[in-house]
All heavy atoms as atom14 arrays in JSON, in Angstrom:
{
  "sequence": "LGAAVLGMIPRAGFAAAPTGPQMTPADAVQRMMDGNARF",
  "atom14_mask": [
    [1, 1, 1, 1, 1, 1, 1, 1, 0, 0, 0, 0, 0, 0],
    [1, 1, 1, 1, 0, 0, 0, 0, 0, 0, 0, 0, 0, 0],
    [1, 1, 1, 1, 1, 0, 0, 0, 0, 0, 0, 0, 0, 0],
    [1, 1, 1, 1, 1, 0, 0, 0, 0, 0, 0, 0, 0, 0],
    [1, 1, 1, 1, 1, 1, 1, 0, 0, 0, 0, 0, 0, 0],
    [1, 1, 1, 1, 1, 1, 1, 1, 0, 0, 0, 0, 0, 0],
    [1, 1, 1, 1, 0, 0, 0, 0, 0, 0, 0, 0, 0, 0],
    [1, 1, 1, 1, 1, 1, 1, 1, 0, 0, 0, 0, 0, 0],
    [1, 1, 1, 1, 1, 1, 1, 1, 0, 0, 0, 0, 0, 0],
    [1, 1, 1, 1, 1, 1, 1, 0, 0, 0, 0, 0, 0, 0],
    [1, 1, 1, 1, 1, 1, 1, 1, 1, 1, 1, 0, 0, 0],
    [1, 1, 1, 1, 1, 0, 0, 0, 0, 0, 0, 0, 0, 0],
    [1, 1, 1, 1, 0, 0, 0, 0, 0, 0, 0, 0, 0, 0],
    [1, 1, 1, 1, 1, 1, 1, 1, 1, 1, 1, 0, 0, 0],
    [1, 1, 1, 1, 1, 0, 0, 0, 0, 0, 0, 0, 0, 0],
    [1, 1, 1, 1, 1, 0, 0, 0, 0, 0, 0, 0, 0, 0],
    [1, 1, 1, 1, 1, 0, 0, 0, 0, 0, 0, 0, 0, 0],
    [1, 1, 1, 1, 1, 1, 1, 0, 0, 0, 0, 0, 0, 0],
    [1, 1, 1, 1, 1, 1, 1, 0, 0, 0, 0, 0, 0, 0],
    [1, 1, 1, 1, 0, 0, 0, 0, 0, 0, 0, 0, 0, 0],
    [1, 1, 1, 1, 1, 1, 1, 0, 0, 0, 0, 0, 0, 0],
    [1, 1, 1, 1, 1, 1, 1, 1, 1, 0, 0, 0, 0, 0],
    [1, 1, 1, 1, 1, 1, 1, 1, 0, 0, 0, 0, 0, 0],
    [1, 1, 1, 1, 1, 1, 1, 0, 0, 0, 0, 0, 0, 0],
    [1, 1, 1, 1, 1, 1, 1, 0, 0, 0, 0, 0, 0, 0],
    [1, 1, 1, 1, 1, 0, 0, 0, 0, 0, 0, 0, 0, 0],
    [1, 1, 1, 1, 1, 1, 1, 1, 0, 0, 0, 0, 0, 0],
    [1, 1, 1, 1, 1, 0, 0, 0, 0, 0, 0, 0, 0, 0],
    [1, 1, 1, 1, 1, 1, 1, 0, 0, 0, 0, 0, 0, 0],
    [1, 1, 1, 1, 1, 1, 1, 1, 1, 0, 0, 0, 0, 0],
    [1, 1, 1, 1, 1, 1, 1, 1, 1, 1, 1, 0, 0, 0],
    [1, 1, 1, 1, 1, 1, 1, 1, 0, 0, 0, 0, 0, 0],
    [1, 1, 1, 1, 1, 1, 1, 1, 0, 0, 0, 0, 0, 0],
    [1, 1, 1, 1, 1, 1, 1, 1, 0, 0, 0, 0, 0, 0],
    [1, 1, 1, 1, 0, 0, 0, 0, 0, 0, 0, 0, 0, 0],
    [1, 1, 1, 1, 1, 1, 1, 1, 0, 0, 0, 0, 0, 0],
    [1, 1, 1, 1, 1, 0, 0, 0, 0, 0, 0, 0, 0, 0],
    [1, 1, 1, 1, 1, 1, 1, 1, 1, 1, 1, 0, 0, 0],
    [1, 1, 1, 1, 1, 1, 1, 1, 1, 1, 1, 0, 0, 0]
  ],
  "atom14_positions": [
    [[223.71, 150.51, -109.38], [224.13, 151.86, -109.02], [224.42, 151.95, -107.54], [225.41, 152.56, -107.11], [223.06, 152.87, -109.42], [222.9, 153.17, -110.91], [221.67, 154.01, -111.16], [224.15, 153.84, -111.45], [0.0, 0.0, 0.0], [0.0, 0.0, 0.0], [0.0, 0.0, 0.0], [0.0, 0.0, 0.0], [0.0, 0.0, 0.0], [0.0, 0.0, 0.0]],
    [[223.53, 151.34, -106.72], [223.75, 151.36, -105.28], [225.04, 150.68, -104.9], [225.81, 151.19, -104.08], [0.0, 0.0, 0.0], [0.0, 0.0, 0.0], [0.0, 0.0, 0.0], [0.0, 0.0, 0.0], [0.0, 0.0, 0.0], [0.0, 0.0, 0.0], [0.0, 0.0, 0.0], [0.0, 0.0, 0.0], [0.0, 0.0, 0.0], [0.0, 0.0, 0.0]],
    [[225.31, 149.54, -105.5], [226.55, 148.82, -105.21], [227.76, 149.65, -105.65], [228.8, 149.67, -104.98], [226.55, 147.47, -105.91], [0.0, 0.0, 0.0], [0.0, 0.0, 0.0], [0.0, 0.0, 0.0], [0.0, 0.0, 0.0], [0.0, 0.0, 0.0], [0.0, 0.0, 0.0], [0.0, 0.0, 0.0], [0.0, 0.0, 0.0], [0.0, 0.0, 0.0]],
    [[227.63, 150.32, -106.8], [228.74, 151.13, -107.29], [229.04, 152.27, -106.34], [230.2, 152.58, -106.06], [228.4, 151.67, -108.68], [0.0, 0.0, 0.0], [0.0, 0.0, 0.0], [0.0, 0.0, 0.0], [0.0, 0.0, 0.0], [0.0, 0.0, 0.0], [0.0, 0.0, 0.0], [0.0, 0.0, 0.0], [0.0, 0.0, 0.0], [0.0, 0.0, 0.0]],
    [[227.98, 152.93, -105.82], [228.19, 154.02, -104.88], [228.87, 153.52, -103.61], [229.81, 154.12, -103.09], [226.85, 154.72, -104.54], [227.07, 155.75, -103.44], [226.29, 155.4, -105.79], [0.0, 0.0, 0.0], [0.0, 0.0, 0.0], [0.0, 0.0, 0.0], [0.0, 0.0, 0.0], [0.0, 0.0, 0.0], [0.0, 0.0, 0.0], [0.0, 0.0, 0.0]],
    [[228.39, 152.38, -103.09], [229.01, 151.81, -101.9], [230.48, 151.49, -102.16], [231.33, 151.71, -101.3], [228.26, 150.54, -101.48], [226.97, 150.76, -100.7], [226.23, 149.43, -100.55], [227.25, 151.37, -99.35], [0.0, 0.0, 0.0], [0.0, 0.0, 0.0], [0.0, 0.0, 0.0], [0.0, 0.0, 0.0], [0.0, 0.0, 0.0], [0.0, 0.0, 0.0]],
    [[230.77, 150.97, -103.34], [232.15, 150.63, -103.66], [233.04, 151.84, -103.79], [234.25, 151.76, -103.59], [0.0, 0.0, 0.0], [0.0, 0.0, 0.0], [0.0, 0.0, 0.0], [0.0, 0.0, 0.0], [0.0, 0.0, 0.0], [0.0, 0.0, 0.0], [0.0, 0.0, 0.0], [0.0, 0.0, 0.0], [0.0, 0.0, 0.0], [0.0, 0.0, 0.0]],
    [[232.47, 153.0, -104.13], [233.26, 154.21, -104.29], [233.57, 154.89, -102.96], [234.5, 155.69, -102.87], [232.49, 155.21, -105.17], [232.38, 154.8, -106.63], [231.19, 155.84, -107.51], [231.88, 157.47, -107.24], [0.0, 0.0, 0.0], [0.0, 0.0, 0.0], [0.0, 0.0, 0.0], [0.0, 0.0, 0.0], [0.0, 0.0, 0.0], [0.0, 0.0, 0.0]],
    [[232.83, 154.57, -101.91], [232.96, 155.31, -100.65], [234.36, 155.26, -100.07], [234.93, 156.3, -99.74], [231.9, 154.83, -99.64], [230.52, 155.37, -100.06], [232.22, 155.29, -98.23], [229.36, 154.8, -99.29], [0.0, 0.0, 0.0], [0.0, 0.0, 0.0], [0.0, 0.0, 0.0], [0.0, 0.0, 0.0], [0.0, 0.0, 0.0], [0.0, 0.0, 0.0]],
    [[234.99, 154.07, -99.93], [236.35, 154.08, -99.38], [237.33, 154.87, -100.23], [238.18, 155.57, -99.71], [236.71, 152.59, -99.33], [235.4, 151.88, -99.3], [234.49, 152.72, -100.16], [0.0, 0.0, 0.0], [0.0, 0.0, 0.0], [0.0, 0.0, 0.0], [0.0, 0.0, 0.0], [0.0, 0.0, 0.0], [0.0, 0.0, 0.0], [0.0, 0.0, 0.0]],
    [[237.18, 154.78, -101.55], [238.09, 155.5, -102.43], [237.88, 157.01, -102.35], [238.76, 157.79, -102.69], [237.92, 155.02, -103.88], [238.38, 153.59, -104.08], [238.51, 153.3, -105.57], [237.26, 153.34, -106.28], [236.43, 152.33, -106.37], [236.7, 151.17, -105.75], [235.31, 152.42, -107.06], [0.0, 0.0, 0.0], [0.0, 0.0, 0.0], [0.0, 0.0, 0.0]],
    [[236.69, 157.43, -101.91], [236.42, 158.86, -101.78], [236.98, 159.42, -100.48], [236.87, 160.6, -100.22], [234.91, 159.11, -101.84], [0.0, 0.0, 0.0], [0.0, 0.0, 0.0], [0.0, 0.0, 0.0], [0.0, 0.0, 0.0], [0.0, 0.0, 0.0], [0.0, 0.0, 0.0], [0.0, 0.0, 0.0], [0.0, 0.0, 0.0], [0.0, 0.0, 0.0]],
    [[237.56, 158.57, -99.65], [238.17, 159.06, -98.42], [237.28, 158.96, -97.21], [237.63, 159.43, -96.14], [0.0, 0.0, 0.0], [0.0, 0.0, 0.0], [0.0, 0.0, 0.0], [0.0, 0.0, 0.0], [0.0, 0.0, 0.0], [0.0, 0.0, 0.0], [0.0, 0.0, 0.0], [0.0, 0.0, 0.0], [0.0, 0.0, 0.0], [0.0, 0.0, 0.0]],
    [[236.1, 158.32, -97.31], [235.21, 158.17, -96.17], [235.6, 156.94, -95.38], [235.9, 155.89, -95.96], [233.76, 158.04, -96.62], [233.21, 159.26, -97.31], [232.55, 159.14, -98.51], [233.39, 160.51, -96.76], [232.05, 160.27, -99.15], [232.89, 161.64, -97.39], [232.23, 161.52, -98.59], [0.0, 0.0, 0.0], [0.0, 0.0, 0.0], [0.0, 0.0, 0.0]],
    [[235.54, 157.03, -94.09], [235.81, 155.87, -93.25], [234.65, 154.89, -93.34], [233.49, 155.29, -93.48], [236.0, 156.3, -91.79], [0.0, 0.0, 0.0], [0.0, 0.0, 0.0], [0.0, 0.0, 0.0], [0.0, 0.0, 0.0], [0.0, 0.0, 0.0], [0.0, 0.0, 0.0], [0.0, 0.0, 0.0], [0.0, 0.0, 0.0], [0.0, 0.0, 0.0]],
    [[234.96, 153.61, -93.3], [233.91, 152.6, -93.36], [233.1, 152.62, -92.07], [233.56, 153.06, -91.03], [234.53, 151.21, -93.56], [0.0, 0.0, 0.0], [0.0, 0.0, 0.0], [0.0, 0.0, 0.0], [0.0, 0.0, 0.0], [0.0, 0.0, 0.0], [0.0, 0.0, 0.0], [0.0, 0.0, 0.0], [0.0, 0.0, 0.0], [0.0, 0.0, 0.0]],
    [[231.86, 152.13, -92.16], [231.02, 152.05, -90.98], [231.66, 151.13, -89.96], [232.26, 150.12, -90.32], [229.64, 151.52, -91.38], [0.0, 0.0, 0.0], [0.0, 0.0, 0.0], [0.0, 0.0, 0.0], [0.0, 0.0, 0.0], [0.0, 0.0, 0.0], [0.0, 0.0, 0.0], [0.0, 0.0, 0.0], [0.0, 0.0, 0.0], [0.0, 0.0, 0.0]],
    [[231.55, 151.46, -88.66], [232.15, 150.6, -87.63], [231.59, 149.19, -87.71], [230.41, 148.99, -87.99], [231.72, 151.3, -86.33], [231.44, 152.72, -86.72], [230.91, 152.65, -88.12], [0.0, 0.0, 0.0], [0.0, 0.0, 0.0], [0.0, 0.0, 0.0], [0.0, 0.0, 0.0], [0.0, 0.0, 0.0], [0.0, 0.0, 0.0], [0.0, 0.0, 0.0]],
    [[232.43, 148.21, -87.46], [231.98, 146.83, -87.49], [231.35, 146.46, -86.15], [231.54, 147.12, -85.15], [233.14, 145.88, -87.79], [234.14, 146.06, -86.77], [233.73, 146.17, -89.15], [0.0, 0.0, 0.0], [0.0, 0.0, 0.0], [0.0, 0.0, 0.0], [0.0, 0.0, 0.0], [0.0, 0.0, 0.0], [0.0, 0.0, 0.0], [0.0, 0.0, 0.0]],
    [[230.61, 145.35, -86.14], [229.96, 144.89, -84.92], [228.48, 144.69, -85.16], [227.95, 144.99, -86.23], [0.0, 0.0, 0.0], [0.0, 0.0, 0.0], [0.0, 0.0, 0.0], [0.0, 0.0, 0.0], [0.0, 0.0, 0.0], [0.0, 0.0, 0.0], [0.0, 0.0, 0.0], [0.0, 0.0, 0.0], [0.0, 0.0, 0.0], [0.0, 0.0, 0.0]],
    [[227.75, 144.19, -84.16], [226.32, 143.94, -84.3], [225.58, 145.23, -84.64], [225.77, 146.26, -83.99], [225.92, 143.41, -82.92], [227.2, 142.96, -82.29], [228.26, 143.84, -82.83], [0.0, 0.0, 0.0], [0.0, 0.0, 0.0], [0.0, 0.0, 0.0], [0.0, 0.0, 0.0], [0.0, 0.0, 0.0], [0.0, 0.0, 0.0], [0.0, 0.0, 0.0]],
    [[224.74, 145.19, -85.66], [223.98, 146.36, -86.04], [222.57, 146.25, -85.5], [221.96, 145.19, -85.54], [223.93, 146.5, -87.56], [223.23, 147.79, -88.01], [223.26, 147.95, -89.52], [223.59, 147.03, -90.23], [222.91, 149.12, -90.0], [0.0, 0.0, 0.0], [0.0, 0.0, 0.0], [0.0, 0.0, 0.0], [0.0, 0.0, 0.0], [0.0, 0.0, 0.0]],
    [[222.07, 147.33, -84.97], [220.71, 147.36, -84.45], [219.72, 147.17, -85.59], [219.92, 147.67, -86.69], [220.48, 148.72, -83.77], [219.21, 148.83, -82.97], [219.08, 150.45, -82.18], [220.54, 150.46, -81.15], [0.0, 0.0, 0.0], [0.0, 0.0, 0.0], [0.0, 0.0, 0.0], [0.0, 0.0, 0.0], [0.0, 0.0, 0.0], [0.0, 0.0, 0.0]],
    [[218.64, 146.44, -85.34], [217.62, 146.27, -86.38], [216.87, 147.57, -86.56], [216.8, 148.39, -85.63], [216.63, 145.16, -86.01], [215.85, 145.59, -84.88], [217.35, 143.85, -85.68], [0.0, 0.0, 0.0], [0.0, 0.0, 0.0], [0.0, 0.0, 0.0], [0.0, 0.0, 0.0], [0.0, 0.0, 0.0], [0.0, 0.0, 0.0], [0.0, 0.0, 0.0]],
    [[216.27, 147.81, -87.74], [215.48, 149.02, -87.92], [214.37, 149.18, -86.88], [214.15, 150.27, -86.36], [214.91, 148.83, -89.34], [215.95, 148.04, -90.04], [216.44, 147.06, -89.0], [0.0, 0.0, 0.0], [0.0, 0.0, 0.0], [0.0, 0.0, 0.0], [0.0, 0.0, 0.0], [0.0, 0.0, 0.0], [0.0, 0.0, 0.0], [0.0, 0.0, 0.0]],
    [[213.69, 148.09, -86.54], [212.6, 148.17, -85.56], [213.14, 148.56, -84.19], [212.52, 149.37, -83.48], [211.87, 146.82, -85.48], [0.0, 0.0, 0.0], [0.0, 0.0, 0.0], [0.0, 0.0, 0.0], [0.0, 0.0, 0.0], [0.0, 0.0, 0.0], [0.0, 0.0, 0.0], [0.0, 0.0, 0.0], [0.0, 0.0, 0.0], [0.0, 0.0, 0.0]],
    [[214.28, 147.99, -83.8], [214.87, 148.33, -82.51], [215.32, 149.79, -82.47], [215.23, 150.46, -81.43], [216.06, 147.42, -82.21], [215.64, 146.0, -81.84], [214.45, 145.8, -81.52], [216.49, 145.09, -81.89], [0.0, 0.0, 0.0], [0.0, 0.0, 0.0], [0.0, 0.0, 0.0], [0.0, 0.0, 0.0], [0.0, 0.0, 0.0], [0.0, 0.0, 0.0]],
    [[215.83, 150.29, -83.6], [216.27, 151.68, -83.66], [215.1, 152.64, -83.47], [215.19, 153.63, -82.73], [216.98, 151.95, -84.98], [0.0, 0.0, 0.0], [0.0, 0.0, 0.0], [0.0, 0.0, 0.0], [0.0, 0.0, 0.0], [0.0, 0.0, 0.0], [0.0, 0.0, 0.0], [0.0, 0.0, 0.0], [0.0, 0.0, 0.0], [0.0, 0.0, 0.0]],
    [[214.0, 152.35, -84.15], [212.81, 153.2, -83.99], [212.31, 153.14, -82.55], [211.96, 154.17, -81.95], [211.69, 152.75, -84.96], [210.41, 153.53, -84.69], [212.12, 152.96, -86.41], [0.0, 0.0, 0.0], [0.0, 0.0, 0.0], [0.0, 0.0, 0.0], [0.0, 0.0, 0.0], [0.0, 0.0, 0.0], [0.0, 0.0, 0.0], [0.0, 0.0, 0.0]],
    [[212.28, 151.94, -81.95], [211.82, 151.8, -80.58], [212.71, 152.57, -79.61], [212.24, 153.18, -78.66], [211.77, 150.32, -80.19], [211.13, 150.07, -78.83], [209.69, 150.55, -78.78], [208.87, 150.19, -79.62], [209.38, 151.41, -77.81], [0.0, 0.0, 0.0], [0.0, 0.0, 0.0], [0.0, 0.0, 0.0], [0.0, 0.0, 0.0], [0.0, 0.0, 0.0]],
    [[214.0, 152.55, -79.87], [214.94, 153.29, -79.01], [214.66, 154.78, -79.09], [214.74, 155.49, -78.06], [216.37, 152.98, -79.43], [217.43, 153.61, -78.54], [218.81, 153.08, -78.9], [219.86, 153.72, -78.13], [221.14, 153.46, -78.25], [221.55, 152.54, -79.11], [222.06, 154.09, -77.53], [0.0, 0.0, 0.0], [0.0, 0.0, 0.0], [0.0, 0.0, 0.0]],
    [[214.35, 155.29, -80.26], [214.0, 156.7, -80.39], [212.72, 157.03, -79.63], [212.63, 158.03, -78.92], [213.83, 157.05, -81.88], [215.1, 156.94, -82.7], [216.3, 158.26, -82.35], [215.63, 159.56, -83.39], [0.0, 0.0, 0.0], [0.0, 0.0, 0.0], [0.0, 0.0, 0.0], [0.0, 0.0, 0.0], [0.0, 0.0, 0.0], [0.0, 0.0, 0.0]],
    [[211.71, 156.16, -79.76], [210.43, 156.42, -79.1], [210.54, 156.29, -77.59], [209.89, 157.03, -76.84], [209.36, 155.47, -79.65], [209.13, 155.62, -81.16], [208.8, 157.32, -81.7], [207.19, 157.59, -80.96], [0.0, 0.0, 0.0], [0.0, 0.0, 0.0], [0.0, 0.0, 0.0], [0.0, 0.0, 0.0], [0.0, 0.0, 0.0], [0.0, 0.0, 0.0]],
    [[211.38, 155.36, -77.12], [211.61, 155.24, -75.68], [212.27, 156.5, -75.14], [211.94, 156.98, -74.04], [212.51, 154.03, -75.38], [211.8, 152.69, -75.6], [210.55, 152.69, -75.71], [212.5, 151.66, -75.67], [0.0, 0.0, 0.0], [0.0, 0.0, 0.0], [0.0, 0.0, 0.0], [0.0, 0.0, 0.0], [0.0, 0.0, 0.0], [0.0, 0.0, 0.0]],
    [[213.19, 157.05, -75.91], [213.84, 158.29, -75.49], [212.86, 159.44, -75.43], [212.92, 160.27, -74.51], [0.0, 0.0, 0.0], [0.0, 0.0, 0.0], [0.0, 0.0, 0.0], [0.0, 0.0, 0.0], [0.0, 0.0, 0.0], [0.0, 0.0, 0.0], [0.0, 0.0, 0.0], [0.0, 0.0, 0.0], [0.0, 0.0, 0.0], [0.0, 0.0, 0.0]],
    [[211.94, 159.51, -76.4], [210.94, 160.56, -76.36], [210.01, 160.42, -75.16], [209.6, 161.41, -74.55], [210.11, 160.57, -77.66], [209.03, 161.62, -77.64], [207.84, 161.31, -77.69], [209.41, 162.88, -77.57], [0.0, 0.0, 0.0], [0.0, 0.0, 0.0], [0.0, 0.0, 0.0], [0.0, 0.0, 0.0], [0.0, 0.0, 0.0], [0.0, 0.0, 0.0]],
    [[209.69, 159.17, -74.79], [208.87, 158.95, -73.6], [209.56, 159.48, -72.35], [208.92, 160.08, -71.46], [208.56, 157.46, -73.45], [0.0, 0.0, 0.0], [0.0, 0.0, 0.0], [0.0, 0.0, 0.0], [0.0, 0.0, 0.0], [0.0, 0.0, 0.0], [0.0, 0.0, 0.0], [0.0, 0.0, 0.0], [0.0, 0.0, 0.0], [0.0, 0.0, 0.0]],
    [[210.88, 159.32, -72.26], [211.62, 159.87, -71.13], [211.61, 161.39, -71.16], [211.49, 162.05, -70.12], [213.07, 159.36, -71.14], [213.2, 157.85, -70.92], [214.65, 157.45, -70.64], [215.55, 157.76, -71.74], [215.81, 156.94, -72.75], [215.19, 155.76, -72.82], [216.66, 157.28, -73.7], [0.0, 0.0, 0.0], [0.0, 0.0, 0.0], [0.0, 0.0, 0.0]],
    [[211.71, 161.97, -72.37], [211.65, 163.42, -72.52], [210.31, 163.97, -72.05], [210.25, 164.96, -71.31], [211.9, 163.78, -73.99], [211.71, 165.25, -74.31], [212.67, 166.18, -73.96], [210.58, 165.68, -74.99], [212.51, 167.53, -74.26], [210.41, 167.02, -75.31], [211.37, 167.94, -74.94], [0.0, 0.0, 0.0], [0.0, 0.0, 0.0], [0.0, 0.0, 0.0]]
  ]
}
């Protein structure tokens, strides 16, 4: 089902996710927490 939904996205008119290096989940969480520390 997940694969089917992903396959339907371009046909539904949504732009594909930008290509390039993707941040890891751990790095994304750390980036959020670093931003909160600055706040």
